[in-house]
Amino acid sequence: MRKAIVYENNLYHCDVRSAENLEKIYDTRRDWLNGIYNYNQVLSKEQIQGLLDDNLVAVEGLEEINEEDLQNLI
């Protein structure tokens, strides 16, 4: 079972990538499928929620997330 890694102050290490066009979406998902993540942003659940409309977001331990996954975060 996948489980997000929660850090101090309920923050998550995230890899946020643009979803502005199909090429970027395919490139990102190809990287993630190959295990290539860059968890370079530390974000709260609220910040992640704000990014999901225009971006692809992977959370350390959970990989790519969607709205349903977001509801299960602390």
PDB file of N, CA and C in Angstrom:
ATOM      1  N   MET A   1       0.836  -1.192   0.000  1.00  0.00           N
ATOM      2  CA  MET A   1       0.000   0.000   0.000  1.00  0.00           C
ATOM      3  C   MET A   1       0.875   1.246   0.000  1.00  0.00           C
ATOM      4  N   ARG A   2       0.538   2.175  -0.859  1.00  0.00           N
ATOM      5  CA  ARG A   2       1.283   3.435  -0.919  1.00  0.00           C
ATOM      6  C   ARG A   2       0.875   4.318   0.245  1.00  0.00           C
ATOM      7  N   LYS A   3       1.863   5.015   0.819  1.00  0.00           N
ATOM      8  CA  LYS A   3       1.569   5.919   1.920  1.00  0.00           C
ATOM      9  C   LYS A   3       2.517   7.103   1.825  1.00  0.00           C
ATOM     10  N   ALA A   4       1.946   8.289   1.848  1.00  0.00           N
ATOM     11  CA  ALA A   4       2.752   9.507   1.761  1.00  0.00           C
ATOM     12  C   ALA A   4       3.625   9.639   2.996  1.00  0.00           C
ATOM     13  N   ILE A   5       4.834  10.128   2.793  1.00  0.00           N
ATOM     14  CA  ILE A   5       5.738  10.412   3.900  1.00  0.00           C
ATOM     15  C   ILE A   5       5.454  11.831   4.364  1.00  0.00           C
ATOM     16  N   VAL A   6       5.076  11.963   5.628  1.00  0.00           N
ATOM     17  CA  VAL A   6       4.727  13.266   6.190  1.00  0.00           C
ATOM     18  C   VAL A   6       5.903  13.754   7.027  1.00  0.00           C
ATOM     19  N   TYR A   7       6.305  14.988   6.778  1.00  0.00           N
ATOM     20  CA  TYR A   7       7.407  15.581   7.521  1.00  0.00           C
ATOM     21  C   TYR A   7       6.862  16.552   8.561  1.00  0.00           C
ATOM     22  N   GLU A   8       7.764  17.132   9.299  1.00  0.00           N
ATOM     23  CA  GLU A   8       7.412  18.099  10.334  1.00  0.00           C
ATOM     24  C   GLU A   8       6.406  19.125   9.821  1.00  0.00           C
ATOM     25  N   ASN A   9       5.497  19.533  10.668  1.00  0.00           N
ATOM     26  CA  ASN A   9       4.482  20.540  10.345  1.00  0.00           C
ATOM     27  C   ASN A   9       3.548  20.105   9.214  1.00  0.00           C
ATOM     28  N   ASN A  10       3.332  18.793   9.058  1.00  0.00           N
ATOM     29  CA  ASN A  10       2.438  18.251   8.020  1.00  0.00           C
ATOM     30  C   ASN A  10       2.810  18.724   6.618  1.00  0.00           C
ATOM     31  N   LEU A  11       4.099  18.666   6.312  1.00  0.00           N
ATOM     32  CA  LEU A  11       4.592  19.030   4.985  1.00  0.00           C
ATOM     33  C   LEU A  11       5.018  17.785   4.231  1.00  0.00           C
ATOM     34  N   TYR A  12       4.971  17.883   2.912  1.00  0.00           N
ATOM     35  CA  TYR A  12       5.296  16.768   2.034  1.00  0.00           C
ATOM     36  C   TYR A  12       6.360  17.197   1.031  1.00  0.00           C
ATOM     37  N   HIS A  13       7.300  16.298   0.739  1.00  0.00           N
ATOM     38  CA  HIS A  13       8.268  16.555  -0.324  1.00  0.00           C
ATOM     39  C   HIS A  13       7.580  16.203  -1.632  1.00  0.00           C
ATOM     40  N   CYS A  14       7.576  17.148  -2.567  1.00  0.00           N
ATOM     41  CA  CYS A  14       6.818  16.979  -3.804  1.00  0.00           C
ATOM     42  C   CYS A  14       7.668  17.235  -5.046  1.00  0.00           C
ATOM     43  N   ASP A  15       7.286  16.575  -6.112  1.00  0.00           N
ATOM     44  CA  ASP A  15       7.819  16.825  -7.449  1.00  0.00           C
ATOM     45  C   ASP A  15       6.639  17.404  -8.226  1.00  0.00           C
ATOM     46  N   VAL A  16       6.719  18.689  -8.542  1.00  0.00           N
ATOM     47  CA  VAL A  16       5.636  19.381  -9.246  1.00  0.00           C
ATOM     48  C   VAL A  16       6.101  19.670 -10.663  1.00  0.00           C
ATOM     49  N   ARG A  17       5.307  19.250 -11.626  1.00  0.00           N
ATOM     50  CA  ARG A  17       5.663  19.470 -13.030  1.00  0.00           C
ATOM     51  C   ARG A  17       4.460  19.999 -13.807  1.00  0.00           C
ATOM     52  N   SER A  18       4.764  20.784 -14.803  1.00  0.00           N
ATOM     53  CA  SER A  18       3.735  21.426 -15.618  1.00  0.00           C
ATOM     54  C   SER A  18       2.911  20.404 -16.393  1.00  0.00           C
ATOM     55  N   ALA A  19       1.628  20.695 -16.510  1.00  0.00           N
ATOM     56  CA  ALA A  19       0.726  19.875 -17.321  1.00  0.00           C
ATOM     57  C   ALA A  19       0.087  20.743 -18.401  1.00  0.00           C
ATOM     58  N   GLU A  20       0.865  21.704 -18.902  1.00  0.00           N
ATOM     59  CA  GLU A  20       0.301  22.665 -19.853  1.00  0.00           C
ATOM     60  C   GLU A  20       0.061  22.094 -21.244  1.00  0.00           C
ATOM     61  N   ASN A  21       0.730  20.977 -21.568  1.00  0.00           N
ATOM     62  CA  ASN A  21       0.465  20.354 -22.863  1.00  0.00           C
ATOM     63  C   ASN A  21       0.745  18.855 -22.781  1.00  0.00           C
ATOM     64  N   LEU A  22       0.280  18.121 -23.759  1.00  0.00           N
ATOM     65  CA  LEU A  22       0.416  16.660 -23.739  1.00  0.00           C
ATOM     66  C   LEU A  22       1.865  16.206 -23.719  1.00  0.00           C
ATOM     67  N   GLU A  23       2.736  16.895 -24.415  1.00  0.00           N
ATOM     68  CA  GLU A  23       4.144  16.496 -24.445  1.00  0.00           C
ATOM     69  C   GLU A  23       4.749  16.526 -23.037  1.00  0.00           C
ATOM     70  N   LYS A  24       4.470  17.589 -22.287  1.00  0.00           N
ATOM     71  CA  LYS A  24       4.997  17.690 -20.915  1.00  0.00           C
ATOM     72  C   LYS A  24       4.385  16.626 -20.009  1.00  0.00           C
ATOM     73  N   ILE A  25       3.116  16.352 -20.200  1.00  0.00           N
ATOM     74  CA  ILE A  25       2.460  15.310 -19.405  1.00  0.00           C
ATOM     75  C   ILE A  25       3.091  13.952 -19.693  1.00  0.00           C
ATOM     76  N   TYR A  26       3.278  13.628 -20.962  1.00  0.00           N
ATOM     77  CA  TYR A  26       3.903  12.354 -21.326  1.00  0.00           C
ATOM     78  C   TYR A  26       5.323  12.259 -20.796  1.00  0.00           C
ATOM     79  N   ASP A  27       6.105  13.328 -20.931  1.00  0.00           N
ATOM     80  CA  ASP A  27       7.489  13.329 -20.435  1.00  0.00           C
ATOM     81  C   ASP A  27       7.533  13.096 -18.934  1.00  0.00           C
ATOM     82  N   THR A  28       6.655  13.774 -18.210  1.00  0.00           N
ATOM     83  CA  THR A  28       6.617  13.627 -16.754  1.00  0.00           C
ATOM     84  C   THR A  28       6.228  12.211 -16.361  1.00  0.00           C
ATOM     85  N   ARG A  29       5.186  11.709 -16.942  1.00  0.00           N
ATOM     86  CA  ARG A  29       4.731  10.355 -16.580  1.00  0.00           C
ATOM     87  C   ARG A  29       5.754   9.299 -16.978  1.00  0.00           C
ATOM     88  N   ARG A  30       6.475   9.519 -18.063  1.00  0.00           N
ATOM     89  CA  ARG A  30       7.538   8.599 -18.465  1.00  0.00           C
ATOM     90  C   ARG A  30       8.654   8.599 -17.415  1.00  0.00           C
ATOM     91  N   ASP A  31       9.054   9.805 -16.967  1.00  0.00           N
ATOM     92  CA  ASP A  31      10.066   9.903 -15.902  1.00  0.00           C
ATOM     93  C   ASP A  31       9.601   9.170 -14.654  1.00  0.00           C
ATOM     94  N   TRP A  32       8.376   9.454 -14.227  1.00  0.00           N
ATOM     95  CA  TRP A  32       7.870   8.859 -12.999  1.00  0.00           C
ATOM     96  C   TRP A  32       7.721   7.344 -13.125  1.00  0.00           C
ATOM     97  N   LEU A  33       7.317   6.870 -14.292  1.00  0.00           N
ATOM     98  CA  LEU A  33       7.217   5.429 -14.517  1.00  0.00           C
ATOM     99  C   LEU A  33       8.590   4.772 -14.371  1.00  0.00           C
ATOM    100  N   ASN A  34       9.634   5.497 -14.752  1.00  0.00           N
ATOM    101  CA  ASN A  34      11.009   5.002 -14.647  1.00  0.00           C
ATOM    102  C   ASN A  34      11.639   5.317 -13.289  1.00  0.00           C
ATOM    103  N   GLY A  35      10.837   5.814 -12.350  1.00  0.00           N
ATOM    104  CA  GLY A  35      11.342   6.072 -11.003  1.00  0.00           C
ATOM    105  C   GLY A  35      12.168   7.331 -10.865  1.00  0.00           C
ATOM    106  N   ILE A  36      12.040   8.248 -11.816  1.00  0.00           N
ATOM    107  CA  ILE A  36      12.805   9.496 -11.783  1.00  0.00           C
ATOM    108  C   ILE A  36      11.932  10.594 -11.182  1.00  0.00           C
ATOM    109  N   TYR A  37      12.202  10.901  -9.919  1.00  0.00           N
ATOM    110  CA  TYR A  37      11.466  11.934  -9.199  1.00  0.00           C
ATOM    111  C   TYR A  37      12.443  12.985  -8.715  1.00  0.00           C
ATOM    112  N   ASN A  38      11.982  14.210  -8.621  1.00  0.00           N
ATOM    113  CA  ASN A  38      12.780  15.305  -8.095  1.00  0.00           C
ATOM    114  C   ASN A  38      11.952  15.991  -7.007  1.00  0.00           C
ATOM    115  N   TYR A  39      12.023  15.432  -5.808  1.00  0.00           N
ATOM    116  CA  TYR A  39      11.223  15.957  -4.691  1.00  0.00           C
ATOM    117  C   TYR A  39      11.895  17.209  -4.133  1.00  0.00           C
ATOM    118  N   ASN A  40      11.818  18.296  -4.883  1.00  0.00           N
ATOM    119  CA  ASN A  40      12.540  19.516  -4.525  1.00  0.00           C
ATOM    120  C   ASN A  40      11.661  20.603  -3.924  1.00  0.00           C
ATOM    121  N   GLN A  41      10.385  20.314  -3.724  1.00  0.00           N
ATOM    122  CA  GLN A  41       9.490  21.297  -3.113  1.00  0.00           C
ATOM    123  C   GLN A  41       8.869  20.695  -1.860  1.00  0.00           C
ATOM    124  N   VAL A  42       8.785  21.494  -0.810  1.00  0.00           N
ATOM    125  CA  VAL A  42       8.155  21.068   0.435  1.00  0.00           C
ATOM    126  C   VAL A  42       6.861  21.857   0.561  1.00  0.00           C
ATOM    127  N   LEU A  43       5.722  21.127   0.513  1.00  0.00           N
ATOM    128  CA  LEU A  43       4.418  21.781   0.425  1.00  0.00           C
ATOM    129  C   LEU A  43       3.424  21.224   1.440  1.00  0.00           C
ATOM    130  N   SER A  44       2.471  22.054   1.808  1.00  0.00           N
ATOM    131  CA  SER A  44       1.363  21.621   2.656  1.00  0.00           C
ATOM    132  C   SER A  44       0.267  21.030   1.766  1.00  0.00           C
ATOM    133  N   LYS A  45      -0.699  20.377   2.390  1.00  0.00           N
ATOM    134  CA  LYS A  45      -1.831  19.812   1.656  1.00  0.00           C
ATOM    135  C   LYS A  45      -2.567  20.903   0.878  1.00  0.00           C
ATOM    136  N   GLU A  46      -2.738  22.066   1.487  1.00  0.00           N
ATOM    137  CA  GLU A  46      -3.444  23.166   0.828  1.00  0.00           C
ATOM    138  C   GLU A  46      -2.674  23.666  -0.396  1.00  0.00           C
ATOM    139  N   GLN A  47      -1.361  23.735  -0.281  1.00  0.00           N
ATOM    140  CA  GLN A  47      -0.556  24.169  -1.420  1.00  0.00           C
ATOM    141  C   GLN A  47      -0.631  23.155  -2.557  1.00  0.00           C
ATOM    142  N   ILE A  48      -0.599  21.876  -2.213  1.00  0.00           N
ATOM    143  CA  ILE A  48      -0.705  20.824  -3.226  1.00  0.00           C
ATOM    144  C   ILE A  48      -2.054  20.935  -3.936  1.00  0.00           C
ATOM    145  N   GLN A  49      -3.103  21.136  -3.164  1.00  0.00           N
ATOM    146  CA  GLN A  49      -4.450  21.256  -3.746  1.00  0.00           C
ATOM    147  C   GLN A  49      -4.500  22.391  -4.755  1.00  0.00           C
ATOM    148  N   GLY A  50      -3.865  23.510  -4.450  1.00  0.00           N
ATOM    149  CA  GLY A  50      -3.840  24.649  -5.360  1.00  0.00           C
ATOM    150  C   GLY A  50      -3.081  24.382  -6.640  1.00  0.00           C
ATOM    151  N   LEU A  51      -2.154  23.434  -6.605  1.00  0.00           N
ATOM    152  CA  LEU A  51      -1.349  23.131  -7.784  1.00  0.00           C
ATOM    153  C   LEU A  51      -1.965  22.073  -8.697  1.00  0.00           C
ATOM    154  N   LEU A  52      -2.858  21.259  -8.176  1.00  0.00           N
ATOM    155  CA  LEU A  52      -3.379  20.120  -8.947  1.00  0.00           C
ATOM    156  C   LEU A  52      -4.165  20.509 -10.194  1.00  0.00           C
ATOM    157  N   ASP A  53      -4.716  21.696 -10.246  1.00  0.00           N
ATOM    158  CA  ASP A  53      -5.491  22.089 -11.426  1.00  0.00           C
ATOM    159  C   ASP A  53      -4.623  22.228 -12.673  1.00  0.00           C
ATOM    160  N   ASP A  54      -3.407  22.725 -12.517  1.00  0.00           N
ATOM    161  CA  ASP A  54      -2.564  23.023 -13.678  1.00  0.00           C
ATOM    162  C   ASP A  54      -1.264  22.241 -13.724  1.00  0.00           C
ATOM    163  N   ASN A  55      -1.062  21.339 -12.768  1.00  0.00           N
ATOM    164  CA  ASN A  55       0.210  20.630 -12.680  1.00  0.00           C
ATOM    165  C   ASN A  55       0.001  19.166 -12.347  1.00  0.00           C
ATOM    166  N   LEU A  56       1.032  18.384 -12.603  1.00  0.00           N
ATOM    167  CA  LEU A  56       1.099  17.017 -12.121  1.00  0.00           C
ATOM    168  C   LEU A  56       1.910  17.076 -10.835  1.00  0.00           C
ATOM    169  N   VAL A  57       1.475  16.378  -9.801  1.00  0.00           N
ATOM    170  CA  VAL A  57       2.163  16.419  -8.518  1.00  0.00           C
ATOM    171  C   VAL A  57       2.427  14.991  -8.049  1.00  0.00           C
ATOM    172  N   ALA A  58       3.677  14.726  -7.673  1.00  0.00           N
ATOM    173  CA  ALA A  58       4.038  13.466  -7.037  1.00  0.00           C
ATOM    174  C   ALA A  58       4.465  13.796  -5.616  1.00  0.00           C
ATOM    175  N   VAL A  59       4.001  12.989  -4.668  1.00  0.00           N
ATOM    176  CA  VAL A  59       4.350  13.158  -3.266  1.00  0.00           C
ATOM    177  C   VAL A  59       5.231  11.977  -2.871  1.00  0.00           C
ATOM    178  N   GLU A  60       6.320  12.275  -2.188  1.00  0.00           N
ATOM    179  CA  GLU A  60       7.243  11.214  -1.781  1.00  0.00           C
ATOM    180  C   GLU A  60       6.496  10.123  -1.015  1.00  0.00           C
ATOM    181  N   GLY A  61       6.671   8.894  -1.454  1.00  0.00           N
ATOM    182  CA  GLY A  61       6.013   7.756  -0.840  1.00  0.00           C
ATOM    183  C   GLY A  61       4.689   7.410  -1.478  1.00  0.00           C
ATOM    184  N   LEU A  62       4.100   8.354  -2.185  1.00  0.00           N
ATOM    185  CA  LEU A  62       2.780   8.142  -2.773  1.00  0.00           C
ATOM    186  C   LEU A  62       2.822   8.182  -4.301  1.00  0.00           C
ATOM    187  N   GLU A  63       3.849   8.772  -4.850  1.00  0.00           N
ATOM    188  CA  GLU A  63       3.990   8.976  -6.284  1.00  0.00           C
ATOM    189  C   GLU A  63       2.949   9.965  -6.782  1.00  0.00           C
ATOM    190  N   GLU A  64       2.502   9.843  -8.032  1.00  0.00           N
ATOM    191  CA  GLU A  64       1.566  10.825  -8.572  1.00  0.00           C
ATOM    192  C   GLU A  64       0.252  10.764  -7.812  1.00  0.00           C
ATOM    193  N   ILE A  65      -0.300  11.957  -7.498  1.00  0.00           N
ATOM    194  CA  ILE A  65      -1.549  11.989  -6.750  1.00  0.00           C
ATOM    195  C   ILE A  65      -2.654  12.649  -7.557  1.00  0.00           C
ATOM    196  N   ASN A  66      -3.869  12.379  -7.132  1.00  0.00           N
ATOM    197  CA  ASN A  66      -5.049  13.010  -7.712  1.00  0.00           C
ATOM    198  C   ASN A  66      -5.893  13.565  -6.563  1.00  0.00           C
ATOM    199  N   GLU A  67      -7.064  14.081  -6.867  1.00  0.00           N
ATOM    200  CA  GLU A  67      -7.928  14.683  -5.840  1.00  0.00           C
ATOM    201  C   GLU A  67      -8.306  13.673  -4.751  1.00  0.00           C
ATOM    202  N   GLU A  68      -8.562  12.435  -5.132  1.00  0.00           N
ATOM    203  CA  GLU A  68      -8.931  11.410  -4.146  1.00  0.00           C
ATOM    204  C   GLU A  68      -7.769  11.148  -3.193  1.00  0.00           C
ATOM    205  N   ASP A  69      -6.560  11.011  -3.733  1.00  0.00           N
ATOM    206  CA  ASP A  69      -5.378  10.811  -2.886  1.00  0.00           C
ATOM    207  C   ASP A  69      -5.193  11.990  -1.938  1.00  0.00           C
ATOM    208  N   LEU A  70      -5.422  13.185  -2.434  1.00  0.00           N
ATOM    209  CA  LEU A  70      -5.239  14.394  -1.642  1.00  0.00           C
ATOM    210  C   LEU A  70      -6.116  14.363  -0.396  1.00  0.00           C
ATOM    211  N   GLN A  71      -7.340  13.868  -0.522  1.00  0.00           N
ATOM    212  CA  GLN A  71      -8.262  13.804   0.614  1.00  0.00           C
ATOM    213  C   GLN A  71      -7.726  12.917   1.743  1.00  0.00           C
ATOM    214  N   ASN A  72      -6.869  11.961   1.392  1.00  0.00           N
ATOM    215  CA  ASN A  72      -6.327  11.040   2.387  1.00  0.00           C
ATOM    216  C   ASN A  72      -5.068  11.558   3.073  1.00  0.00           C
ATOM    217  N   LEU A  73      -4.544  12.685   2.622  1.00  0.00           N
ATOM    218  CA  LEU A  73      -3.376  13.259   3.293  1.00  0.00           C
ATOM    219  C   LEU A  73      -3.806  13.914   4.593  1.00  0.00           C
ATOM    220  N   ILE A  74      -2.889  14.028   5.509  1.00  0.00           N
ATOM    221  CA  ILE A  74      -3.181  14.661   6.818  1.00  0.00           C
ATOM    222  C   ILE A  74      -3.483  16.119   6.633  1.00  0.00           C
TER     223      ILE A  74
END
